[in-house]
Protein backbone atom coordinates (compact mmCIF):
# COMPACT_ATOMS: atom_id res chain seq x y z
CA MET A 1 -9.73 -26.10 49.37
CA SER A 2 -7.22 -24.43 51.70
CA ASN A 3 -7.74 -21.12 49.85
CA TYR A 4 -11.50 -21.32 50.46
CA LYS A 5 -10.99 -22.12 54.14
CA LYS A 6 -8.77 -19.09 54.54
CA LEU A 7 -11.32 -16.94 52.73
CA PHE A 8 -14.11 -18.10 55.05
CA GLN A 9 -12.05 -17.63 58.21
CA ASP A 10 -10.94 -14.14 57.14
CA SER A 11 -14.42 -13.05 56.08
CA PHE A 12 -16.65 -14.50 58.80
CA GLY A 13 -16.68 -14.75 62.59
CA ASP A 14 -16.70 -17.89 64.71
CA ASP A 15 -20.49 -17.76 65.19
CA ASP A 16 -21.34 -16.92 61.59
CA LEU A 17 -23.09 -19.49 59.40
CA ILE A 18 -23.09 -19.25 55.61
CA ILE A 19 -25.84 -20.66 53.40
CA VAL A 20 -24.84 -21.46 49.81
CA GLY A 21 -26.29 -23.29 46.85
CA LEU A 22 -24.11 -25.96 45.25
CA ASN A 23 -24.07 -29.28 43.45
CA SER A 24 -23.27 -32.27 45.65
CA ARG A 25 -22.82 -35.96 45.04
CA LYS A 26 -22.77 -39.24 46.91
CA ILE A 27 -22.26 -42.88 46.03
CA LYS A 28 -25.31 -45.13 46.14
CA ASN A 29 -25.34 -48.69 44.83
CA TYR A 30 -21.84 -48.17 43.42
CA GLU A 31 -22.78 -45.18 41.28
CA TYR A 32 -22.64 -41.43 41.73
CA LYS A 33 -25.85 -39.53 42.50
CA TYR A 34 -25.84 -35.77 41.96
CA PHE A 35 -28.03 -33.32 43.86
CA ASN A 36 -28.99 -29.66 43.66
CA SER A 37 -28.29 -28.71 47.27
CA MET A 38 -28.48 -26.01 49.89
CA ALA A 39 -25.54 -26.28 52.27
CA ILE A 40 -24.76 -24.49 55.52
CA PHE A 41 -21.11 -24.00 56.53
CA ASN A 42 -19.36 -22.38 59.46
CA ASN A 43 -16.36 -20.11 59.07
CA LYS A 44 -14.05 -23.13 59.12
CA LEU A 45 -15.79 -24.48 56.00
CA GLU A 46 -17.26 -27.34 58.02
CA LEU A 47 -20.62 -28.62 56.77
CA ILE A 48 -23.32 -27.97 59.40
CA ALA A 49 -26.43 -29.04 57.50
CA GLN A 50 -27.55 -29.85 53.96
CA TYR A 51 -30.80 -30.09 52.02
CA ASN A 52 -31.11 -31.82 48.65
CA LYS A 53 -33.81 -30.45 46.36
CA VAL A 54 -36.91 -32.63 46.22
CA ASN A 55 -38.96 -31.10 43.38
CA LEU A 56 -36.78 -31.10 40.28
CA VAL A 57 -37.53 -29.30 37.00
CA PRO A 58 -38.01 -31.64 34.01
CA PHE A 59 -35.33 -31.11 31.33
CA GLY A 60 -33.82 -28.33 33.45
CA GLU A 61 -32.51 -30.60 36.19
CA PHE A 62 -33.42 -34.09 35.03
CA ILE A 63 -34.36 -35.84 31.80
CA PRO A 64 -37.48 -38.04 31.99
CA PHE A 65 -36.76 -41.50 30.55
CA GLU A 66 -33.10 -40.50 30.44
CA SER A 67 -31.85 -43.91 29.30
CA ILE A 68 -33.90 -43.50 26.11
CA LEU A 69 -33.89 -39.74 25.46
CA SER A 70 -30.15 -39.44 26.08
CA LEU A 71 -29.62 -41.59 22.97
CA ILE A 72 -30.88 -38.72 20.81
CA GLY A 73 -28.66 -36.20 22.57
CA LEU A 74 -31.01 -34.63 25.11
CA LYS A 75 -29.20 -33.24 28.16
CA THR A 76 -30.18 -31.22 31.20
CA VAL A 77 -29.89 -27.44 31.04
CA THR A 78 -28.19 -27.04 34.42
CA ASN A 79 -25.28 -29.49 34.13
CA ASN A 80 -23.34 -31.55 31.60
CA TYR A 81 -22.85 -34.80 33.47
CA GLN A 82 -26.21 -36.40 34.22
CA SER A 83 -29.65 -35.75 35.70
CA PHE A 84 -29.90 -34.61 39.28
CA SER A 85 -31.42 -37.06 41.72
CA SER A 86 -34.30 -36.00 43.93
CA GLY A 87 -33.73 -35.54 47.66
CA GLU A 88 -35.52 -37.89 50.03
CA ALA A 89 -37.46 -35.39 52.14
CA ARG A 90 -37.90 -31.70 52.94
CA ILE A 91 -37.59 -31.07 56.65
CA PRO A 92 -36.91 -27.89 58.66
CA ILE A 93 -33.33 -27.04 59.54
CA ASN A 94 -32.49 -25.68 62.98
CA LEU A 95 -29.37 -23.54 63.36
CA LYS A 96 -28.45 -22.49 66.86
CA ASN A 97 -25.40 -21.01 68.52
CA SER A 98 -24.60 -18.02 70.75
CA LYS A 99 -25.44 -15.65 67.89
CA ILE A 100 -28.11 -17.47 65.86
CA ASN A 101 -31.37 -19.24 66.63
CA LEU A 102 -32.95 -19.93 63.26
CA ASN A 103 -35.49 -22.61 62.43
CA PHE A 104 -36.33 -22.56 58.74
CA LEU A 105 -37.68 -24.58 55.84
CA PRO A 106 -35.30 -24.74 52.85
CA LEU A 107 -36.67 -24.26 49.34
CA ILE A 108 -34.45 -24.28 46.27
CA CYS A 109 -35.35 -22.27 43.20
CA TYR A 110 -38.64 -23.40 41.64
CA GLU A 111 -39.79 -25.27 44.73
CA ILE A 112 -41.26 -21.93 45.82
CA ILE A 113 -43.87 -22.05 43.03
CA TYR A 114 -45.67 -25.15 44.33
CA SER A 115 -48.83 -24.29 46.24
CA GLY A 116 -49.87 -26.72 48.97
CA LYS A 117 -48.44 -28.33 52.05
CA LEU A 118 -44.73 -27.53 51.89
CA ALA A 119 -43.55 -30.09 54.44
CA ARG A 120 -44.88 -32.75 56.78
CA ASP A 121 -43.20 -31.01 59.71
CA ASN A 122 -44.58 -27.48 60.15
CA ASN A 123 -42.32 -26.63 63.09
CA PHE A 124 -40.38 -23.77 61.51
CA ASP A 125 -40.44 -19.98 61.68
CA TYR A 126 -39.00 -18.92 58.33
CA ILE A 127 -38.71 -20.06 54.73
CA ILE A 128 -35.36 -19.54 53.03
CA ASN A 129 -35.44 -19.68 49.25
CA ILE A 130 -32.23 -19.60 47.19
CA SER A 131 -32.56 -19.39 43.43
CA GLU A 132 -30.51 -19.29 40.25
CA ASP A 133 -32.47 -16.88 38.06
CA GLY A 134 -29.58 -15.80 35.86
CA TRP A 135 -30.47 -18.14 33.01
CA PHE A 136 -33.86 -16.37 32.58
CA GLY A 137 -32.00 -13.42 31.07
CA ASN A 138 -34.09 -10.26 30.71
CA SER A 139 -37.37 -12.16 30.38
CA ILE A 140 -40.37 -11.88 32.69
CA GLY A 141 -39.28 -15.12 34.43
CA PRO A 142 -37.55 -13.60 37.50
CA LYS A 143 -40.55 -11.35 38.23
CA GLN A 144 -43.00 -14.25 37.94
CA HIS A 145 -40.76 -16.35 40.17
CA PHE A 146 -40.61 -13.61 42.79
CA THR A 147 -44.39 -13.14 42.74
CA HIS A 148 -44.87 -16.79 43.68
CA SER A 149 -42.72 -16.14 46.76
CA ILE A 150 -45.28 -13.58 47.92
CA PHE A 151 -48.07 -16.12 47.47
CA ARG A 152 -46.21 -18.68 49.61
CA SER A 153 -45.66 -16.17 52.43
CA ILE A 154 -49.39 -15.42 52.61
CA GLU A 155 -50.38 -19.09 52.41
CA SER A 156 -47.97 -20.20 55.11
CA GLY A 157 -48.00 -17.13 57.37
CA LYS A 158 -44.19 -17.20 57.42
CA TYR A 159 -41.39 -14.79 56.61
CA ILE A 160 -39.65 -15.62 53.36
CA ILE A 161 -35.99 -14.74 52.96
CA ARG A 162 -35.14 -14.96 49.28
CA SER A 163 -31.69 -14.80 47.70
CA SER A 164 -31.38 -14.82 43.93
CA ASN A 165 -28.43 -13.93 41.73
CA ASN A 166 -29.45 -11.65 38.88
CA GLY A 167 -33.03 -12.07 40.04
CA ILE A 168 -34.92 -10.43 42.87
CA SER A 169 -33.79 -10.89 46.47
CA ALA A 170 -36.11 -9.83 49.25
CA ILE A 171 -37.57 -10.23 52.71
CA ILE A 172 -41.32 -10.86 52.57
CA ASN A 173 -43.37 -10.77 55.77
CA PRO A 174 -46.17 -13.23 56.68
CA ILE A 175 -48.93 -11.07 55.17
CA GLY A 176 -47.17 -10.74 51.83
CA LEU A 177 -45.65 -7.28 52.25
CA VAL A 178 -42.15 -6.86 50.84
CA GLU A 179 -40.10 -5.31 53.65
CA GLN A 180 -36.78 -5.16 51.79
CA LYS A 181 -35.94 -5.80 48.16
CA ILE A 182 -33.10 -5.77 45.65
CA GLU A 183 -34.46 -5.07 42.19
CA PHE A 184 -33.75 -7.24 39.19
CA GLY A 185 -30.24 -6.84 37.81
CA LEU A 186 -28.91 -4.91 40.80
CA THR A 187 -26.50 -5.98 43.53
CA GLY A 188 -26.83 -5.46 47.27
CA TYR A 189 -28.04 -7.15 50.41
CA VAL A 190 -31.10 -7.45 52.60
CA GLU A 191 -30.92 -7.76 56.38
CA LEU A 192 -33.51 -9.22 58.74
CA SER A 193 -32.69 -7.69 62.11
CA GLU A 194 -36.03 -8.37 63.77
CA SER A 195 -39.28 -10.09 62.89
CA LYS A 196 -42.73 -10.61 64.29
CA LEU A 197 -43.71 -14.25 64.08
CA VAL A 198 -47.35 -15.09 63.54
CA LYS A 199 -49.32 -18.29 63.86
CA SER A 200 -49.31 -20.67 60.92
CA THR A 201 -52.34 -20.46 58.66
CA PRO A 202 -54.87 -23.29 58.19
CA PHE A 203 -53.54 -23.62 54.64
CA MET A 204 -50.11 -24.34 56.10
CA PHE A 205 -51.45 -27.42 57.86
CA TYR A 206 -53.92 -28.74 55.29
CA GLY A 207 -52.67 -27.39 51.97
CA ASN A 208 -54.90 -27.90 48.95
CA LYS A 209 -57.05 -30.36 50.89
CA ILE A 210 -58.97 -27.27 51.99
CA PHE A 211 -60.32 -26.83 48.45
CA ILE A 212 -61.45 -30.46 48.36
CA MET A 213 -63.26 -29.93 51.65
CA LEU A 214 -64.95 -26.77 50.30
CA ILE A 215 -66.09 -28.62 47.18
CA LEU A 216 -67.55 -31.44 49.28
CA ILE A 217 -69.35 -28.92 51.50
CA TYR A 218 -70.71 -27.17 48.40
CA ILE A 219 -72.00 -30.48 46.97
CA PHE A 220 -73.57 -31.39 50.30
CA LEU A 221 -75.33 -28.02 50.61
CA THR A 222 -76.52 -28.16 46.99
CA PHE A 223 -78.16 -31.58 47.47
CA SER A 224 -79.57 -30.51 50.85
CA PHE A 225 -81.23 -27.34 49.46
CA ASN A 226 -82.62 -29.24 46.48
CA ARG A 227 -84.10 -31.81 48.82
CA PHE A 228 -85.81 -29.13 50.91
CA LYS A 229 -87.02 -27.44 47.75
CA TYR A 230 -88.96 -30.46 46.52
CA GLU A 231 -90.31 -31.63 49.85
């Protein structure tokens, strides 16, 4: 641990904050629970904030009916100890010091593919998505995953800052335009020096309920026109 602390102190300034993806664990009811987590550290390797992934991938991160299926040798793809546990809630994280004022919603890996209301609290300016895309290999997976990030930026009206090893890292603006990008298989960095924040979209507040409302309106209008037709 001391080697990592020295590395952080030598590499980052006092006001720098570092976001990393890692596996974490805690004891609950006298047993270990493991989480796929996003953690924010300062340059002293002190934990500032943490988010535990809520939407887990079946068989990738957890085994459904694990007590039964584990008897025939089924294990998760991402670790060799046990299924990850789901985090309790997804809430925005606010990071603020003399150098940073960042209010963002954390999304880990495949959480970016889910269309709908991303969080109960919509008080955030950015979405930060970290992803492990290396296990896709040279398949179309990383490109499909990245495309979903563009959809989420348009739906929410938020900037998306995406970091993916061996995948596609990028900055996507609120109208879905890719401002900076590292192509698949390449190394590099993207830097968001300034941004223009826009108002959240109606979809951000209501999610897929909008489609239910549209269907109800369509049914109402259909019955109304048919009534007028036969009167």
